[in-house]
N, C-alpha and C. Protein backbone atom coordinates (compact mmCIF):
# COMPACT_ATOMS: atom_id res chain seq x y z
N MET A 1 148.49 108.22 208.81
CA MET A 1 149.71 108.11 209.55
C MET A 1 150.18 106.65 209.54
N THR A 2 151.45 106.42 209.18
CA THR A 2 152.05 105.10 209.14
C THR A 2 152.62 104.78 210.49
N THR A 3 152.29 103.60 211.09
CA THR A 3 152.82 103.23 212.33
C THR A 3 154.03 102.42 212.12
N ILE A 4 154.83 102.20 213.16
CA ILE A 4 156.02 101.38 213.08
C ILE A 4 155.64 99.97 212.65
N ASP A 5 154.54 99.45 213.20
CA ASP A 5 154.09 98.08 212.79
C ASP A 5 153.74 98.02 211.34
N ASP A 6 153.04 99.08 210.83
CA ASP A 6 152.70 99.12 209.41
C ASP A 6 153.97 99.17 208.52
N ALA A 7 154.94 99.99 208.93
CA ALA A 7 156.18 100.11 208.19
C ALA A 7 156.93 98.77 208.22
N THR A 8 156.98 98.09 209.31
CA THR A 8 157.68 96.82 209.38
C THR A 8 156.99 95.77 208.52
N THR A 9 155.63 95.76 208.58
CA THR A 9 154.83 94.84 207.77
C THR A 9 155.13 95.10 206.29
N ALA A 10 155.13 96.33 205.86
CA ALA A 10 155.39 96.65 204.48
C ALA A 10 156.81 96.23 204.07
N ALA A 11 157.79 96.38 204.93
CA ALA A 11 159.14 95.96 204.68
C ALA A 11 159.18 94.45 204.63
N GLN A 12 158.56 93.76 205.48
CA GLN A 12 158.54 92.27 205.46
C GLN A 12 157.88 91.78 204.18
N GLN A 13 156.81 92.40 203.75
CA GLN A 13 156.16 92.04 202.51
C GLN A 13 157.10 92.25 201.31
N LEU A 14 157.83 93.37 201.31
CA LEU A 14 158.78 93.63 200.20
C LEU A 14 159.88 92.56 200.20
N ILE A 15 160.37 92.22 201.38
CA ILE A 15 161.45 91.19 201.39
C ILE A 15 160.95 89.87 200.93
N GLN A 16 159.70 89.52 201.32
CA GLN A 16 159.11 88.24 200.82
C GLN A 16 159.00 88.28 199.31
N PHE A 17 158.58 89.46 198.74
CA PHE A 17 158.51 89.63 197.28
C PHE A 17 159.87 89.38 196.68
N ILE A 18 160.95 89.94 197.28
CA ILE A 18 162.29 89.82 196.73
C ILE A 18 162.68 88.32 196.79
N ARG A 19 162.39 87.66 197.85
CA ARG A 19 162.74 86.24 198.01
C ARG A 19 161.93 85.33 196.97
N ASP A 20 160.72 85.77 196.72
CA ASP A 20 159.90 84.98 195.76
C ASP A 20 160.24 85.21 194.31
N GLU A 21 160.62 86.43 194.02
CA GLU A 21 160.84 86.89 192.59
C GLU A 21 162.30 86.83 192.11
N ILE A 22 163.24 86.82 193.04
CA ILE A 22 164.67 86.82 192.68
C ILE A 22 165.27 85.50 193.28
N PRO A 23 165.44 84.49 192.43
CA PRO A 23 165.92 83.20 192.94
C PRO A 23 167.18 83.30 193.72
N LEU A 24 168.13 84.18 193.38
CA LEU A 24 169.34 84.35 194.12
C LEU A 24 169.09 84.78 195.55
N ALA A 25 168.11 85.67 195.72
CA ALA A 25 167.77 86.17 197.07
C ALA A 25 167.22 85.00 197.94
N HIS A 26 166.46 84.14 197.34
CA HIS A 26 165.94 83.03 198.07
C HIS A 26 167.05 82.06 198.46
N THR A 27 167.95 81.81 197.46
CA THR A 27 169.09 80.90 197.73
C THR A 27 170.01 81.50 198.83
N MET A 28 170.17 82.77 198.82
CA MET A 28 171.01 83.44 199.86
C MET A 28 170.34 83.41 201.22
N ASP A 29 169.09 83.15 201.31
CA ASP A 29 168.30 83.02 202.53
C ASP A 29 168.28 84.41 203.29
N LEU A 30 168.15 85.50 202.50
CA LEU A 30 168.13 86.83 203.12
C LEU A 30 166.86 87.07 203.89
N HIS A 31 166.96 87.89 204.89
CA HIS A 31 165.82 88.23 205.78
C HIS A 31 165.94 89.72 206.17
N LEU A 32 164.80 90.28 206.53
CA LEU A 32 164.78 91.67 206.99
C LEU A 32 165.42 91.76 208.35
N GLY A 33 166.23 92.76 208.54
CA GLY A 33 166.81 93.09 209.83
C GLY A 33 165.98 94.15 210.42
N GLU A 34 166.37 95.39 210.19
CA GLU A 34 165.65 96.55 210.70
C GLU A 34 165.25 97.45 209.56
N CYS A 35 164.28 98.32 209.82
CA CYS A 35 163.93 99.30 208.80
C CYS A 35 163.35 100.56 209.46
N SER A 36 163.59 101.70 208.79
CA SER A 36 163.00 102.97 209.18
C SER A 36 162.90 103.77 207.83
N ASP A 37 162.54 105.02 207.91
CA ASP A 37 162.47 105.83 206.72
C ASP A 37 163.89 106.00 206.10
N ASP A 38 164.91 105.99 206.91
CA ASP A 38 166.23 106.30 206.50
C ASP A 38 167.23 105.18 206.46
N MET A 39 166.81 103.97 206.88
CA MET A 39 167.73 102.83 206.96
C MET A 39 166.99 101.57 206.76
N LEU A 40 167.62 100.63 206.10
CA LEU A 40 167.11 99.30 205.94
C LEU A 40 168.29 98.31 206.06
N SER A 41 168.10 97.24 206.82
CA SER A 41 169.13 96.27 206.88
C SER A 41 168.57 94.88 206.48
N LEU A 42 169.37 94.10 205.82
CA LEU A 42 169.12 92.72 205.48
C LEU A 42 170.12 91.82 206.09
N LEU A 43 169.68 90.60 206.44
CA LEU A 43 170.56 89.68 207.05
C LEU A 43 170.73 88.44 206.19
N ALA A 44 171.89 87.85 206.23
CA ALA A 44 172.13 86.61 205.47
C ALA A 44 173.04 85.65 206.26
N PRO A 45 172.76 84.36 206.26
CA PRO A 45 173.61 83.42 206.99
C PRO A 45 174.80 83.09 206.10
N LEU A 46 175.81 82.76 206.77
CA LEU A 46 177.08 82.37 206.06
C LEU A 46 176.93 81.12 205.19
N ALA A 47 176.28 80.10 205.74
CA ALA A 47 176.30 78.77 205.05
C ALA A 47 175.94 78.75 203.60
N PRO A 48 174.87 79.38 203.10
CA PRO A 48 174.57 79.36 201.69
C PRO A 48 175.33 80.43 200.86
N ASN A 49 176.18 81.21 201.56
CA ASN A 49 176.90 82.32 200.98
C ASN A 49 178.41 82.20 201.12
N VAL A 50 178.86 81.03 201.32
CA VAL A 50 180.29 80.72 201.62
C VAL A 50 181.10 80.56 200.36
N ASN A 51 182.34 80.88 200.38
CA ASN A 51 183.24 80.68 199.19
C ASN A 51 184.19 79.51 199.49
N ASP A 52 185.11 79.24 198.62
CA ASP A 52 185.99 78.11 198.73
C ASP A 52 186.93 78.23 199.95
N LYS A 53 187.04 79.36 200.53
CA LYS A 53 188.00 79.56 201.68
C LYS A 53 187.20 79.45 203.01
N GLY A 54 185.88 79.33 202.97
CA GLY A 54 185.07 79.25 204.14
C GLY A 54 184.59 80.55 204.70
N CYS A 55 184.83 81.60 203.99
CA CYS A 55 184.30 82.96 204.39
C CYS A 55 183.23 83.38 203.44
N ALA A 56 182.62 84.52 203.70
CA ALA A 56 181.53 84.99 202.86
C ALA A 56 181.99 85.29 201.40
N PHE A 57 181.21 84.80 200.48
CA PHE A 57 181.49 85.01 199.02
C PHE A 57 181.23 86.49 198.69
N GLY A 58 182.25 87.08 197.96
CA GLY A 58 182.13 88.49 197.55
C GLY A 58 180.88 88.75 196.79
N GLY A 59 180.46 87.84 195.91
CA GLY A 59 179.25 88.03 195.16
C GLY A 59 177.99 88.11 196.03
N SER A 60 177.99 87.41 197.13
CA SER A 60 176.91 87.46 198.08
C SER A 60 176.92 88.80 198.82
N LEU A 61 178.10 89.29 199.14
CA LEU A 61 178.17 90.58 199.83
C LEU A 61 177.66 91.70 199.00
N VAL A 62 178.07 91.75 197.77
CA VAL A 62 177.62 92.83 196.80
C VAL A 62 176.17 92.66 196.51
N SER A 63 175.70 91.42 196.41
CA SER A 63 174.29 91.24 196.15
C SER A 63 173.40 91.68 197.31
N LEU A 64 173.80 91.31 198.52
CA LEU A 64 173.04 91.72 199.70
C LEU A 64 173.02 93.28 199.86
N MET A 65 174.14 93.92 199.59
CA MET A 65 174.17 95.40 199.65
C MET A 65 173.33 96.00 198.60
N THR A 66 173.37 95.51 197.36
CA THR A 66 172.59 95.99 196.26
C THR A 66 171.10 95.85 196.57
N LEU A 67 170.75 94.64 197.05
CA LEU A 67 169.30 94.40 197.38
C LEU A 67 168.83 95.23 198.55
N SER A 68 169.65 95.53 199.50
CA SER A 68 169.19 96.35 200.65
C SER A 68 169.08 97.80 200.17
N GLY A 69 169.92 98.29 199.34
CA GLY A 69 169.83 99.61 198.81
C GLY A 69 168.59 99.73 197.93
N TRP A 70 168.34 98.76 197.10
CA TRP A 70 167.15 98.76 196.20
C TRP A 70 165.89 98.77 197.06
N ALA A 71 165.89 97.91 198.12
CA ALA A 71 164.71 97.81 198.98
C ALA A 71 164.46 99.13 199.74
N LEU A 72 165.48 99.82 200.14
CA LEU A 72 165.32 101.13 200.85
C LEU A 72 164.61 102.11 199.92
N VAL A 73 164.98 102.14 198.66
CA VAL A 73 164.38 103.08 197.71
C VAL A 73 162.96 102.61 197.34
N GLU A 74 162.79 101.28 197.11
CA GLU A 74 161.46 100.74 196.75
C GLU A 74 160.45 100.94 197.87
N LEU A 75 160.94 100.76 199.05
CA LEU A 75 159.99 100.92 200.20
C LEU A 75 159.60 102.38 200.40
N ALA A 76 160.48 103.31 200.21
CA ALA A 76 160.18 104.72 200.27
C ALA A 76 159.09 105.08 199.18
N LEU A 77 159.30 104.56 197.99
CA LEU A 77 158.35 104.81 196.92
C LEU A 77 156.97 104.29 197.27
N ARG A 78 156.93 103.07 197.75
CA ARG A 78 155.65 102.44 198.13
C ARG A 78 154.98 103.24 199.25
N ARG A 79 155.75 103.71 200.24
CA ARG A 79 155.14 104.50 201.32
C ARG A 79 154.50 105.77 200.81
N GLN A 80 155.06 106.30 199.75
CA GLN A 80 154.50 107.52 199.13
C GLN A 80 153.45 107.27 198.08
N GLY A 81 153.17 105.98 197.81
CA GLY A 81 152.14 105.65 196.83
C GLY A 81 152.58 105.72 195.40
N HIS A 82 153.88 105.69 195.15
CA HIS A 82 154.37 105.72 193.72
C HIS A 82 154.56 104.28 193.21
N ASP A 83 154.15 104.16 191.94
CA ASP A 83 154.27 102.83 191.22
C ASP A 83 155.45 103.05 190.21
N CYS A 84 156.64 102.54 190.58
CA CYS A 84 157.83 102.80 189.77
C CYS A 84 158.63 101.55 189.63
N ASP A 85 159.42 101.53 188.54
CA ASP A 85 160.45 100.51 188.40
C ASP A 85 161.70 101.16 188.96
N VAL A 86 162.48 100.36 189.76
CA VAL A 86 163.71 100.87 190.36
C VAL A 86 164.86 100.02 189.87
N PHE A 87 165.91 100.73 189.41
CA PHE A 87 167.08 100.10 188.82
C PHE A 87 168.32 100.61 189.53
N VAL A 88 169.33 99.75 189.66
CA VAL A 88 170.66 100.27 190.04
C VAL A 88 171.32 100.71 188.80
N ALA A 89 171.73 101.96 188.80
CA ALA A 89 172.33 102.54 187.56
C ALA A 89 173.85 102.51 187.59
N GLU A 90 174.35 102.56 188.81
CA GLU A 90 175.83 102.58 188.89
C GLU A 90 176.17 102.21 190.33
N SER A 91 177.30 101.49 190.55
CA SER A 91 177.71 101.23 191.91
C SER A 91 179.21 100.99 191.96
N THR A 92 179.74 101.25 193.15
CA THR A 92 181.15 101.00 193.43
C THR A 92 181.22 100.18 194.68
N VAL A 93 181.90 99.06 194.66
CA VAL A 93 182.02 98.23 195.82
C VAL A 93 183.46 98.16 196.30
N ARG A 94 183.67 98.07 197.56
CA ARG A 94 185.01 97.81 198.13
C ARG A 94 184.93 96.73 199.11
N TYR A 95 185.76 95.72 198.99
CA TYR A 95 185.92 94.62 199.88
C TYR A 95 187.08 94.89 200.78
N LEU A 96 186.82 94.99 202.07
CA LEU A 96 187.81 95.48 203.01
C LEU A 96 188.37 94.41 203.98
N ALA A 97 187.57 93.39 204.29
CA ALA A 97 187.99 92.33 205.19
C ALA A 97 187.14 91.11 205.02
N PRO A 98 187.70 89.93 205.20
CA PRO A 98 186.86 88.70 205.08
C PRO A 98 185.87 88.57 206.25
N LEU A 99 184.76 87.93 206.00
CA LEU A 99 183.80 87.65 207.03
C LEU A 99 183.60 86.16 207.24
N TRP A 100 183.68 85.72 208.45
CA TRP A 100 183.60 84.27 208.79
C TRP A 100 182.35 83.92 209.50
N GLN A 101 181.34 84.82 209.51
CA GLN A 101 180.10 84.54 210.19
C GLN A 101 178.95 85.08 209.39
N ASP A 102 177.67 84.88 209.95
CA ASP A 102 176.53 85.43 209.27
C ASP A 102 176.79 86.95 209.17
N PHE A 103 176.09 87.61 208.20
CA PHE A 103 176.39 89.02 207.94
C PHE A 103 175.09 89.72 207.67
N ARG A 104 175.25 91.07 207.71
CA ARG A 104 174.07 91.97 207.40
C ARG A 104 174.59 93.19 206.56
N SER A 105 173.71 93.73 205.77
CA SER A 105 173.92 94.93 205.04
C SER A 105 173.06 96.07 205.55
N GLU A 106 173.63 97.15 205.82
CA GLU A 106 172.86 98.38 206.28
C GLU A 106 172.90 99.43 205.17
N SER A 107 171.72 99.84 204.75
CA SER A 107 171.69 100.87 203.67
C SER A 107 171.04 102.16 204.16
N ARG A 108 171.65 103.24 203.79
CA ARG A 108 171.16 104.62 204.17
C ARG A 108 171.35 105.52 202.97
N LEU A 109 170.63 106.58 202.89
CA LEU A 109 170.86 107.58 201.87
C LEU A 109 172.28 108.15 202.02
N ALA A 110 172.93 108.41 200.95
CA ALA A 110 174.25 109.06 200.93
C ALA A 110 174.14 110.42 201.56
N ALA A 111 175.18 110.93 202.13
CA ALA A 111 175.15 112.23 202.84
C ALA A 111 174.51 113.34 202.06
N GLU A 112 174.78 113.39 200.74
CA GLU A 112 174.26 114.55 199.94
C GLU A 112 172.85 114.24 199.36
N ALA A 113 172.27 113.08 199.64
CA ALA A 113 170.95 112.73 199.09
C ALA A 113 169.90 113.03 200.09
N ASP A 114 168.66 113.30 199.58
CA ASP A 114 167.48 113.47 200.43
C ASP A 114 166.23 113.07 199.72
N TRP A 115 165.29 112.59 200.47
CA TRP A 115 164.05 112.14 199.86
C TRP A 115 163.24 113.25 199.25
N ALA A 116 163.26 114.47 199.86
CA ALA A 116 162.46 115.57 199.30
C ALA A 116 162.88 115.92 197.87
N THR A 117 164.17 116.01 197.62
CA THR A 117 164.64 116.30 196.26
C THR A 117 164.29 115.14 195.32
N PHE A 118 164.46 113.89 195.76
CA PHE A 118 164.15 112.76 194.96
C PHE A 118 162.67 112.72 194.55
N PHE A 119 161.75 112.95 195.53
CA PHE A 119 160.37 112.88 195.21
C PHE A 119 159.93 114.08 194.39
N GLY A 120 160.55 115.26 194.66
CA GLY A 120 160.23 116.41 193.83
C GLY A 120 160.60 116.21 192.38
N THR A 121 161.73 115.65 192.11
CA THR A 121 162.18 115.32 190.77
C THR A 121 161.29 114.22 190.15
N LEU A 122 160.89 113.28 190.87
CA LEU A 122 160.03 112.18 190.39
C LEU A 122 158.72 112.77 190.03
N ASN A 123 158.16 113.63 190.83
CA ASN A 123 156.82 114.23 190.56
C ASN A 123 156.95 115.16 189.30
N ALA A 124 158.02 115.88 189.11
CA ALA A 124 158.15 116.80 188.00
C ALA A 124 158.43 116.08 186.70
N ARG A 125 159.33 115.06 186.78
CA ARG A 125 159.88 114.45 185.52
C ARG A 125 159.38 112.99 185.26
N GLY A 126 158.82 112.39 186.27
CA GLY A 126 158.42 110.97 186.08
C GLY A 126 159.59 110.02 186.33
N LYS A 127 160.75 110.50 186.63
CA LYS A 127 161.88 109.64 186.96
C LYS A 127 162.82 110.46 187.85
N ALA A 128 163.62 109.77 188.64
CA ALA A 128 164.53 110.44 189.56
C ALA A 128 165.61 109.47 189.98
N ARG A 129 166.70 109.99 190.48
CA ARG A 129 167.81 109.14 190.95
C ARG A 129 168.17 109.58 192.38
N ILE A 130 168.69 108.58 193.11
CA ILE A 130 169.13 108.87 194.45
C ILE A 130 170.32 107.98 194.80
N GLU A 131 171.25 108.57 195.61
CA GLU A 131 172.42 107.78 195.96
C GLU A 131 172.27 107.15 197.29
N VAL A 132 172.71 105.91 197.40
CA VAL A 132 172.62 105.12 198.66
C VAL A 132 173.97 104.60 199.07
N ASP A 133 174.27 104.61 200.30
CA ASP A 133 175.48 104.00 200.84
C ASP A 133 175.10 102.75 201.61
N CYS A 134 175.85 101.68 201.40
CA CYS A 134 175.60 100.43 202.05
C CYS A 134 176.92 99.93 202.72
N VAL A 135 176.74 99.32 203.83
CA VAL A 135 177.91 98.76 204.51
C VAL A 135 177.58 97.41 205.10
N ILE A 136 178.53 96.52 205.10
CA ILE A 136 178.51 95.28 205.84
C ILE A 136 179.47 95.36 206.91
N PRO A 137 178.97 95.46 208.15
CA PRO A 137 179.91 95.54 209.29
C PRO A 137 180.71 94.29 209.49
N GLY A 138 181.94 94.47 209.89
CA GLY A 138 182.83 93.32 210.09
C GLY A 138 183.31 93.31 211.55
N GLU A 139 184.54 92.82 211.75
CA GLU A 139 185.12 92.74 213.10
C GLU A 139 185.29 94.11 213.77
N GLY A 140 184.88 94.19 215.00
CA GLY A 140 185.11 95.42 215.75
C GLY A 140 184.31 96.59 215.20
N GLY A 141 183.22 96.32 214.43
CA GLY A 141 182.42 97.41 213.84
C GLY A 141 183.01 98.05 212.63
N LYS A 142 184.19 97.63 212.25
CA LYS A 142 184.79 98.16 211.03
C LYS A 142 184.14 97.53 209.80
N PRO A 143 183.97 98.36 208.72
CA PRO A 143 183.33 97.81 207.49
C PRO A 143 184.10 96.65 206.88
N ALA A 144 183.40 95.56 206.58
CA ALA A 144 184.04 94.44 205.82
C ALA A 144 183.82 94.67 204.30
N ALA A 145 182.76 95.40 203.97
CA ALA A 145 182.55 95.80 202.50
C ALA A 145 181.64 96.99 202.55
N THR A 146 181.80 97.78 201.50
CA THR A 146 180.91 98.97 201.30
C THR A 146 180.49 99.04 199.83
N LEU A 147 179.34 99.67 199.64
CA LEU A 147 178.83 99.91 198.33
C LEU A 147 178.20 101.24 198.25
N ASN A 148 178.57 102.03 197.26
CA ASN A 148 177.88 103.27 197.02
C ASN A 148 177.18 103.09 195.71
N ALA A 149 175.89 103.32 195.65
CA ALA A 149 175.13 103.06 194.41
C ALA A 149 174.12 104.16 194.14
N ARG A 150 173.93 104.42 192.83
CA ARG A 150 172.89 105.33 192.39
C ARG A 150 171.73 104.48 191.86
N PHE A 151 170.56 104.72 192.43
CA PHE A 151 169.38 104.03 192.00
C PHE A 151 168.48 105.00 191.20
N VAL A 152 167.83 104.48 190.19
CA VAL A 152 166.91 105.29 189.38
C VAL A 152 165.55 104.69 189.47
N ALA A 153 164.57 105.60 189.74
CA ALA A 153 163.15 105.20 189.78
C ALA A 153 162.50 105.86 188.60
N LYS A 154 161.69 105.07 187.84
CA LYS A 154 161.04 105.55 186.69
C LYS A 154 159.53 105.12 186.86
N ARG A 155 158.64 106.12 186.75
CA ARG A 155 157.21 105.89 186.94
C ARG A 155 156.74 104.89 185.83
N ARG A 156 155.94 103.93 186.25
CA ARG A 156 155.41 102.97 185.31
C ARG A 156 154.30 103.59 184.50
N GLY A 157 154.12 103.11 183.25
CA GLY A 157 152.94 103.61 182.45
C GLY A 157 153.19 104.89 181.79
């Protein structure tokens, strides 16, 4: 049985791996926000992610959303003991409002996606895909940016 502390420790270890292995993630100064089986959030300060206008750089927003979606899938695979490579296969981003402060990305499975189908396909075929929705909350709780992405996991070896 996995405890909340074990799940948080695993998530923190994954985020440290991301910071160590992806120079952009280190430069963005991203950190773990919250995590559960169905949600993962990453935090980033504005200062290293600012554009020429003084608000959050669009490239940083899409990067944080992509990394939080990838981490959600990677963490689920690790919890189930799967050794897979995870790739973003396709994504659509929408920039809805500027952000003038530190920001976070919240990633969840898309409404039509579920872990049972994903893991069933992975066990049967050695690869599977799953759709993830990410949002960066803005003013008044309205989305500042959204990303819908399909991630593919492929068993190593």
